[in-house]
Amino acid sequence: MLEYLIYWIKPEFSSHYFYRSGIMYRFFQEYESSYNDYLQLQFDFVTRRFPIQDVIWLLQKEFPQFQWQRDGSLMRGTFRGKQLSMYASSRRLYVSTEDYQLADQVLFQTLKKYDSSFFVIEKHTSNYGWVAPIKQRKLALSTQLLYSLL
């Protein structure tokens, strides 16, 4: 079973720590393993409230072929016998699935479309990182062209 913790980071911290993801990983590991008031204050200062309603709406819109069931903070999606379970607290999303491709193609791609400030930790491993944004290509050729004549 693959399990992930996903945090929505405030923009000023995501831009500063984008290339320092190891620091973010160690902070969240310490926060999850030993609770104290000081860590809680830092955690609340760095993270944003998780936009679970928006994510659920996007998932239902993007993947209508899934059969989604919601029970309070728990949401399960089933498609072709594969299941994706999510549990939301105020500042993190816990995800479990047996299929990495399902998590990547459904959840991570949806989060990329929403915002680029999501930090993901795979539990029971040392895999972690940012959900990279989907870059939109812009054609700059419409305004100017440069020519080189030999």
C-alpha atoms as a PDB file:
ATOM      1  CA  MET A   1       0.000   0.000   0.000  1.00  0.00           C
ATOM      2  CA  LEU A   2       1.374   3.406  -0.997  1.00  0.00           C
ATOM      3  CA  GLU A   3       0.710   6.204   1.468  1.00  0.00           C
ATOM      4  CA  TYR A   4       1.330   9.903   0.958  1.00  0.00           C
ATOM      5  CA  LEU A   5       1.125  13.039   3.082  1.00  0.00           C
ATOM      6  CA  ILE A   6       0.465  16.199   1.090  1.00  0.00           C
ATOM      7  CA  TYR A   7       0.880  19.708   2.470  1.00  0.00           C
ATOM      8  CA  TRP A   8      -0.108  23.006   0.870  1.00  0.00           C
ATOM      9  CA  ILE A   9       2.737  25.448   1.515  1.00  0.00           C
ATOM     10  CA  LYS A  10       2.409  29.229   1.608  1.00  0.00           C
ATOM     11  CA  PRO A  11       3.868  30.848  -1.552  1.00  0.00           C
ATOM     12  CA  GLU A  12       6.699  32.697   0.180  1.00  0.00           C
ATOM     13  CA  PHE A  13       7.986  29.435   1.658  1.00  0.00           C
ATOM     14  CA  SER A  14       7.447  27.318  -1.444  1.00  0.00           C
ATOM     15  CA  SER A  15       9.456  29.731  -3.575  1.00  0.00           C
ATOM     16  CA  HIS A  16      12.245  29.989  -0.991  1.00  0.00           C
ATOM     17  CA  TYR A  17      12.459  26.248  -0.283  1.00  0.00           C
ATOM     18  CA  PHE A  18      11.672  24.883  -3.763  1.00  0.00           C
ATOM     19  CA  TYR A  19      15.303  23.835  -4.287  1.00  0.00           C
ATOM     20  CA  ARG A  20      15.776  23.043  -0.596  1.00  0.00           C
ATOM     21  CA  SER A  21      13.199  20.295  -0.341  1.00  0.00           C
ATOM     22  CA  GLY A  22      15.345  18.297   2.085  1.00  0.00           C
ATOM     23  CA  ILE A  23      14.829  20.995   4.710  1.00  0.00           C
ATOM     24  CA  MET A  24      11.052  20.842   4.230  1.00  0.00           C
ATOM     25  CA  TYR A  25      11.145  17.050   4.430  1.00  0.00           C
ATOM     26  CA  ARG A  26      13.079  17.062   7.718  1.00  0.00           C
ATOM     27  CA  PHE A  27      10.748  19.686   9.182  1.00  0.00           C
ATOM     28  CA  PHE A  28       7.633  17.651   8.362  1.00  0.00           C
ATOM     29  CA  GLN A  29       9.262  14.444   9.609  1.00  0.00           C
ATOM     30  CA  GLU A  30      10.037  16.108  12.918  1.00  0.00           C
ATOM     31  CA  TYR A  31       6.553  17.631  13.115  1.00  0.00           C
ATOM     32  CA  GLU A  32       4.836  14.283  12.459  1.00  0.00           C
ATOM     33  CA  SER A  33       7.034  12.353  14.892  1.00  0.00           C
ATOM     34  CA  SER A  34       7.128  14.672  17.900  1.00  0.00           C
ATOM     35  CA  TYR A  35       4.366  17.113  18.638  1.00  0.00           C
ATOM     36  CA  ASN A  36       5.082  20.255  20.630  1.00  0.00           C
ATOM     37  CA  ASP A  37       3.663  23.771  20.688  1.00  0.00           C
ATOM     38  CA  TYR A  38       6.679  25.333  19.008  1.00  0.00           C
ATOM     39  CA  LEU A  39       6.528  22.923  16.044  1.00  0.00           C
ATOM     40  CA  GLN A  40       2.772  23.444  15.813  1.00  0.00           C
ATOM     41  CA  LEU A  41       3.268  27.217  15.535  1.00  0.00           C
ATOM     42  CA  GLN A  42       5.882  26.743  12.813  1.00  0.00           C
ATOM     43  CA  PHE A  43       3.688  24.226  10.995  1.00  0.00           C
ATOM     44  CA  ASP A  44       0.706  26.616  11.052  1.00  0.00           C
ATOM     45  CA  PHE A  45       2.952  29.475   9.872  1.00  0.00           C
ATOM     46  CA  VAL A  46       4.381  27.545   6.895  1.00  0.00           C
ATOM     47  CA  THR A  47       1.303  25.644   5.685  1.00  0.00           C
ATOM     48  CA  ARG A  48      -2.047  26.746   4.325  1.00  0.00           C
ATOM     49  CA  ARG A  49      -5.414  25.227   5.021  1.00  0.00           C
ATOM     50  CA  PHE A  50      -5.845  22.374   2.583  1.00  0.00           C
ATOM     51  CA  PRO A  51      -8.341  23.245  -0.197  1.00  0.00           C
ATOM     52  CA  ILE A  52     -10.143  19.903   0.033  1.00  0.00           C
ATOM     53  CA  GLN A  53     -13.471  21.198  -1.344  1.00  0.00           C
ATOM     54  CA  ASP A  54     -11.721  22.599  -4.433  1.00  0.00           C
ATOM     55  CA  VAL A  55      -9.688  19.413  -4.934  1.00  0.00           C
ATOM     56  CA  ILE A  56     -12.806  17.232  -4.642  1.00  0.00           C
ATOM     57  CA  TRP A  57     -14.656  19.431  -7.135  1.00  0.00           C
ATOM     58  CA  LEU A  58     -11.717  19.251  -9.586  1.00  0.00           C
ATOM     59  CA  LEU A  59     -11.416  15.471  -9.195  1.00  0.00           C
ATOM     60  CA  GLN A  60     -15.114  14.976  -9.850  1.00  0.00           C
ATOM     61  CA  LYS A  61     -14.966  17.296 -12.852  1.00  0.00           C
ATOM     62  CA  GLU A  62     -11.761  15.835 -14.339  1.00  0.00           C
ATOM     63  CA  PHE A  63     -12.581  12.178 -13.658  1.00  0.00           C
ATOM     64  CA  PRO A  64     -16.329  11.581 -13.903  1.00  0.00           C
ATOM     65  CA  GLN A  65     -15.664   7.904 -14.711  1.00  0.00           C
ATOM     66  CA  PHE A  66     -14.577   7.423 -11.091  1.00  0.00           C
ATOM     67  CA  GLN A  67     -17.167   6.403  -8.570  1.00  0.00           C
ATOM     68  CA  TRP A  68     -16.549   8.839  -5.717  1.00  0.00           C
ATOM     69  CA  GLN A  69     -17.871   8.212  -2.213  1.00  0.00           C
ATOM     70  CA  ARG A  70     -17.550  10.785   0.522  1.00  0.00           C
ATOM     71  CA  ASP A  71     -17.966  10.217   4.232  1.00  0.00           C
ATOM     72  CA  GLY A  72     -17.076  13.384   6.130  1.00  0.00           C
ATOM     73  CA  SER A  73     -13.343  13.978   5.697  1.00  0.00           C
ATOM     74  CA  LEU A  74     -12.799  10.602   3.995  1.00  0.00           C
ATOM     75  CA  MET A  75     -13.173  10.265   0.230  1.00  0.00           C
ATOM     76  CA  ARG A  76     -12.760   7.152  -1.893  1.00  0.00           C
ATOM     77  CA  GLY A  77     -12.562   6.930  -5.634  1.00  0.00           C
ATOM     78  CA  THR A  78     -12.850   3.640  -7.503  1.00  0.00           C
ATOM     79  CA  PHE A  79     -12.118   3.021 -11.171  1.00  0.00           C
ATOM     80  CA  ARG A  80     -11.698  -0.385 -12.825  1.00  0.00           C
ATOM     81  CA  GLY A  81     -11.157  -2.081  -9.477  1.00  0.00           C
ATOM     82  CA  LYS A  82      -8.458   0.348  -8.363  1.00  0.00           C
ATOM     83  CA  GLN A  83      -9.059   2.510  -5.326  1.00  0.00           C
ATOM     84  CA  LEU A  84      -7.730   5.865  -4.174  1.00  0.00           C
ATOM     85  CA  SER A  85      -8.516   6.902  -0.580  1.00  0.00           C
ATOM     86  CA  MET A  86      -8.022  10.389   0.819  1.00  0.00           C
ATOM     87  CA  TYR A  87      -8.422  11.753   4.309  1.00  0.00           C
ATOM     88  CA  ALA A  88      -8.245  15.490   4.835  1.00  0.00           C
ATOM     89  CA  SER A  89      -7.360  17.324   7.987  1.00  0.00           C
ATOM     90  CA  SER A  90      -7.221  21.094   8.056  1.00  0.00           C
ATOM     91  CA  ARG A  91      -3.607  21.402   6.830  1.00  0.00           C
ATOM     92  CA  ARG A  92      -2.719  18.084   5.204  1.00  0.00           C
ATOM     93  CA  LEU A  93      -4.103  15.381   2.978  1.00  0.00           C
ATOM     94  CA  TYR A  94      -3.427  11.709   3.655  1.00  0.00           C
ATOM     95  CA  VAL A  95      -3.648   9.528   0.527  1.00  0.00           C
ATOM     96  CA  SER A  96      -3.462   5.759   0.182  1.00  0.00           C
ATOM     97  CA  THR A  97      -3.598   3.596  -2.918  1.00  0.00           C
ATOM     98  CA  GLU A  98      -2.159   0.376  -4.258  1.00  0.00           C
ATOM     99  CA  ASP A  99      -1.324   1.876  -7.637  1.00  0.00           C
ATOM    100  CA  TYR A 100       1.256   4.633  -8.083  1.00  0.00           C
ATOM    101  CA  GLN A 101       0.023   5.435 -11.594  1.00  0.00           C
ATOM    102  CA  LEU A 102      -3.453   6.052 -10.227  1.00  0.00           C
ATOM    103  CA  ALA A 103      -2.098   8.505  -7.652  1.00  0.00           C
ATOM    104  CA  ASP A 104       0.054  10.243 -10.252  1.00  0.00           C
ATOM    105  CA  GLN A 105      -2.458  10.424 -13.089  1.00  0.00           C
ATOM    106  CA  VAL A 106      -5.428  11.352 -10.946  1.00  0.00           C
ATOM    107  CA  LEU A 107      -4.396  13.204  -7.810  1.00  0.00           C
ATOM    108  CA  PHE A 108      -0.964  14.648  -8.548  1.00  0.00           C
ATOM    109  CA  GLN A 109      -1.963  15.877 -12.020  1.00  0.00           C
ATOM    110  CA  THR A 110      -5.043  17.548 -10.535  1.00  0.00           C
ATOM    111  CA  LEU A 111      -2.967  19.246  -7.845  1.00  0.00           C
ATOM    112  CA  LYS A 112      -0.548  20.506 -10.514  1.00  0.00           C
ATOM    113  CA  LYS A 113      -3.430  22.253 -12.233  1.00  0.00           C
ATOM    114  CA  TYR A 114      -4.589  23.833  -8.978  1.00  0.00           C
ATOM    115  CA  ASP A 115      -1.315  25.174  -7.545  1.00  0.00           C
ATOM    116  CA  SER A 116       2.416  24.514  -7.539  1.00  0.00           C
ATOM    117  CA  SER A 117       2.895  24.774  -3.779  1.00  0.00           C
ATOM    118  CA  PHE A 118       2.061  21.212  -2.735  1.00  0.00           C
ATOM    119  CA  PHE A 119       4.745  19.211  -0.946  1.00  0.00           C
ATOM    120  CA  VAL A 120       4.394  15.413  -1.015  1.00  0.00           C
ATOM    121  CA  ILE A 121       5.983  12.838   1.276  1.00  0.00           C
ATOM    122  CA  GLU A 122       5.675   9.127   0.592  1.00  0.00           C
ATOM    123  CA  LYS A 123       5.363   7.415   3.954  1.00  0.00           C
ATOM    124  CA  HIS A 124       7.635   4.498   4.886  1.00  0.00           C
ATOM    125  CA  THR A 125      10.234   5.638   2.324  1.00  0.00           C
ATOM    126  CA  SER A 126      12.462   8.657   1.909  1.00  0.00           C
ATOM    127  CA  ASN A 127      10.675   9.846  -1.242  1.00  0.00           C
ATOM    128  CA  TYR A 128       9.490  13.447  -1.136  1.00  0.00           C
ATOM    129  CA  GLY A 129       9.239  16.524  -3.297  1.00  0.00           C
ATOM    130  CA  TRP A 130       7.160  19.271  -4.802  1.00  0.00           C
ATOM    131  CA  VAL A 131       4.264  18.734  -7.156  1.00  0.00           C
ATOM    132  CA  ALA A 132       5.751  20.609 -10.102  1.00  0.00           C
ATOM    133  CA  PRO A 133       3.426  22.952 -11.970  1.00  0.00           C
ATOM    134  CA  ILE A 134       2.303  22.333 -15.515  1.00  0.00           C
ATOM    135  CA  LYS A 135       4.111  24.898 -17.610  1.00  0.00           C
ATOM    136  CA  GLN A 136       2.206  26.607 -20.338  1.00  0.00           C
ATOM    137  CA  ARG A 137       4.215  27.399 -23.418  1.00  0.00           C
ATOM    138  CA  LYS A 138       3.944  30.913 -24.718  1.00  0.00           C
ATOM    139  CA  LEU A 139       4.709  31.751 -28.288  1.00  0.00           C
ATOM    140  CA  ALA A 140       6.758  34.911 -28.392  1.00  0.00           C
ATOM    141  CA  LEU A 141       6.997  34.887 -32.168  1.00  0.00           C
ATOM    142  CA  SER A 142       3.826  36.869 -32.625  1.00  0.00           C
ATOM    143  CA  THR A 143       5.404  40.205 -31.749  1.00  0.00           C
ATOM    144  CA  GLN A 144       8.972  40.165 -33.084  1.00  0.00           C
ATOM    145  CA  LEU A 145      11.184  38.114 -35.319  1.00  0.00           C
ATOM    146  CA  LEU A 146      14.948  38.359 -35.474  1.00  0.00           C
ATOM    147  CA  TYR A 147      16.774  37.598 -38.690  1.00  0.00           C
ATOM    148  CA  SER A 148      20.391  36.879 -39.320  1.00  0.00           C
ATOM    149  CA  LEU A 149      21.684  37.668 -42.754  1.00  0.00           C
ATOM    150  CA  LEU A 150      25.002  36.277 -43.911  1.00  0.00           C
END
